[in-house]
Amino acid sequence: MKQFTTPVRHRSKVAAAWLACLLGVFGAHWWYVGRRGAVLVTAFSVLMLVLAQFYPVWWDNPAFLMLIVPITDGFIEALIFALKPDEWFDSKYNLGSGSVTRTGWNAVIVAIVTTFVGGTVIMFGIAMIVVYVYTAMGWLDGYVLQPLPH
């Protein structure tokens, strides 16, 4: 008796890294590499964006600020995908594909872009969360910035 098997598609390490960097907030890289639970990441992000619309200022509320979690996950995983050896990626996501991943400078470029963009976005997100919490607790009440004297 002959058994037929469906060929496993070969996934690109660089494509996974770009998806994690650019669309990690929605778990696009989870879908691409076939991870279980991808629907939960996507549903969480969409739910937070929908809930953010019910606040007077959509970007200054807990629901929107909770997106820092999947955003940070995306940037961290983009760096992991880009910087781990090709053999590690193949052993984890390309078992049975029959192909071997060979990346070069394109993975390094993803890592560099992810470091700059991710660092900026995460620092801005942390600053927004700190200002939101300080304002909510009343720690900034009456605080007024004064212009510098000439």
Protein backbone atom coordinates (compact mmCIF):
# COMPACT_ATOMS: atom_id res chain seq x y z
CA MET A 1 0.00 0.00 0.00
CA LYS A 2 1.42 3.35 -1.04
CA GLN A 3 0.97 6.27 1.31
CA PHE A 4 0.64 9.79 -0.07
CA THR A 5 1.89 12.76 1.89
CA THR A 6 1.32 16.42 1.30
CA PRO A 7 4.60 18.26 0.80
CA VAL A 8 5.43 20.73 3.54
CA ARG A 9 5.96 24.24 2.21
CA HIS A 10 9.28 25.84 2.97
CA ARG A 11 9.00 28.98 5.07
CA SER A 12 11.38 31.90 4.72
CA LYS A 13 13.18 33.03 7.85
CA VAL A 14 13.49 36.57 6.48
CA ALA A 15 9.78 36.74 5.58
CA ALA A 16 8.90 35.59 9.10
CA ALA A 17 11.17 38.28 10.55
CA TRP A 18 9.65 41.04 8.36
CA LEU A 19 6.12 39.93 9.27
CA ALA A 20 7.02 39.97 12.97
CA CYS A 21 8.59 43.42 12.66
CA LEU A 22 5.87 45.09 10.60
CA LEU A 23 2.68 43.18 11.52
CA GLY A 24 3.67 41.52 14.78
CA VAL A 25 0.94 43.39 16.64
CA PHE A 26 -1.59 41.20 14.78
CA GLY A 27 0.45 38.00 15.01
CA ALA A 28 1.08 37.77 11.25
CA HIS A 29 4.31 35.88 11.88
CA TRP A 30 2.40 33.34 14.00
CA TRP A 31 0.10 32.63 11.05
CA TYR A 32 3.04 32.42 8.64
CA VAL A 33 5.06 29.88 10.64
CA GLY A 34 1.93 27.87 11.52
CA ARG A 35 1.94 28.42 15.27
CA ARG A 36 -1.02 27.33 17.31
CA GLY A 37 -2.81 30.20 19.00
CA ALA A 38 -2.32 32.69 16.17
CA VAL A 39 -6.03 33.43 16.19
CA LEU A 40 -5.78 34.48 19.86
CA VAL A 41 -3.06 37.05 19.17
CA THR A 42 -5.01 38.49 16.24
CA ALA A 43 -8.28 38.51 18.17
CA PHE A 44 -6.65 40.24 21.16
CA SER A 45 -5.22 43.04 19.01
CA VAL A 46 -8.44 43.57 17.07
CA LEU A 47 -10.46 43.56 20.32
CA MET A 48 -8.15 46.19 21.88
CA LEU A 49 -8.46 48.41 18.78
CA VAL A 50 -12.27 48.08 18.83
CA LEU A 51 -12.44 48.84 22.57
CA ALA A 52 -10.18 51.87 22.08
CA GLN A 53 -12.86 53.44 19.87
CA PHE A 54 -15.23 53.74 22.87
CA TYR A 55 -12.97 56.23 24.65
CA PRO A 56 -12.98 59.99 23.91
CA VAL A 57 -9.34 59.89 22.84
CA TRP A 58 -8.68 56.58 21.04
CA TRP A 59 -4.93 56.59 21.64
CA ASP A 60 -5.00 57.55 25.34
CA ASN A 61 -6.81 54.68 27.03
CA PRO A 62 -5.98 51.31 28.58
CA ALA A 63 -7.25 49.26 25.63
CA PHE A 64 -4.96 50.97 23.14
CA LEU A 65 -2.02 50.96 25.54
CA MET A 66 -2.40 47.17 26.00
CA LEU A 67 -1.25 46.78 22.39
CA ILE A 68 2.31 47.32 23.66
CA VAL A 69 2.34 43.60 24.59
CA PRO A 70 1.88 42.13 21.08
CA ILE A 71 3.93 44.97 19.56
CA THR A 72 6.86 44.13 21.83
CA ASP A 73 6.43 40.42 21.09
CA GLY A 74 6.61 41.13 17.37
CA PHE A 75 9.84 43.11 17.62
CA ILE A 76 11.50 40.55 19.90
CA GLU A 77 10.51 37.67 17.64
CA ALA A 78 11.66 39.56 14.55
CA LEU A 79 15.11 39.79 16.12
CA ILE A 80 15.03 36.11 17.08
CA PHE A 81 14.04 35.04 13.56
CA ALA A 82 16.65 37.29 11.96
CA LEU A 83 19.57 36.48 14.24
CA LYS A 84 19.17 32.78 15.03
CA PRO A 85 21.07 30.38 12.74
CA ASP A 86 19.32 29.11 9.62
CA GLU A 87 19.57 25.54 10.95
CA TRP A 88 17.60 26.51 14.07
CA PHE A 89 14.79 28.00 11.94
CA ASP A 90 14.69 24.97 9.64
CA SER A 91 14.61 22.51 12.52
CA LYS A 92 11.73 24.37 14.13
CA TYR A 93 9.59 25.52 11.18
CA ASN A 94 10.73 23.66 8.05
CA LEU A 95 10.82 20.01 9.08
CA GLY A 96 10.06 17.86 6.06
CA SER A 97 10.16 20.67 3.52
CA GLY A 98 13.14 19.22 1.69
CA SER A 99 14.77 22.65 1.35
CA VAL A 100 17.48 24.38 3.31
CA THR A 101 17.33 28.04 4.36
CA ARG A 102 20.27 30.19 3.27
CA THR A 103 20.07 33.78 4.43
CA GLY A 104 22.67 36.47 4.04
CA TRP A 105 22.61 40.19 4.55
CA ASN A 106 18.83 40.39 4.19
CA ALA A 107 18.43 38.90 7.69
CA VAL A 108 20.92 41.43 9.06
CA ILE A 109 18.98 44.28 7.44
CA VAL A 110 15.78 43.04 9.10
CA ALA A 111 17.58 42.97 12.46
CA ILE A 112 18.90 46.52 12.01
CA VAL A 113 15.52 47.94 10.95
CA THR A 114 13.79 46.06 13.78
CA THR A 115 16.24 47.43 16.33
CA PHE A 116 15.69 51.05 15.29
CA VAL A 117 11.94 50.88 14.68
CA GLY A 118 11.26 48.58 17.61
CA GLY A 119 13.33 50.61 20.04
CA THR A 120 11.55 53.81 19.02
CA VAL A 121 8.04 52.34 19.13
CA ILE A 122 8.55 50.53 22.43
CA MET A 123 10.11 53.57 24.14
CA PHE A 124 7.25 55.76 22.88
CA GLY A 125 4.73 53.18 24.12
CA ILE A 126 6.33 53.04 27.56
CA ALA A 127 6.33 56.84 27.74
CA MET A 128 2.63 56.94 26.82
CA ILE A 129 1.83 54.37 29.50
CA VAL A 130 3.78 56.30 32.15
CA VAL A 131 2.04 59.57 31.29
CA TYR A 132 -1.36 57.82 31.27
CA VAL A 133 -0.77 56.22 34.69
CA TYR A 134 0.66 59.40 36.22
CA THR A 135 -2.30 61.41 34.91
CA ALA A 136 -4.83 58.81 36.09
CA MET A 137 -3.29 58.83 39.58
CA GLY A 138 -3.30 62.63 39.72
CA TRP A 139 0.47 62.91 39.96
CA LEU A 140 0.58 65.49 37.16
CA ASP A 141 -2.27 67.67 38.45
CA GLY A 142 -1.26 71.30 38.40
CA TYR A 143 2.01 70.57 36.62
CA VAL A 144 2.72 73.24 34.00
CA LEU A 145 5.79 73.42 31.79
CA GLN A 146 7.43 76.81 31.87
CA PRO A 147 9.33 78.17 28.87
CA LEU A 148 13.09 78.53 29.27
CA PRO A 149 14.28 82.10 29.99
CA HIS A 150 16.19 83.79 27.18
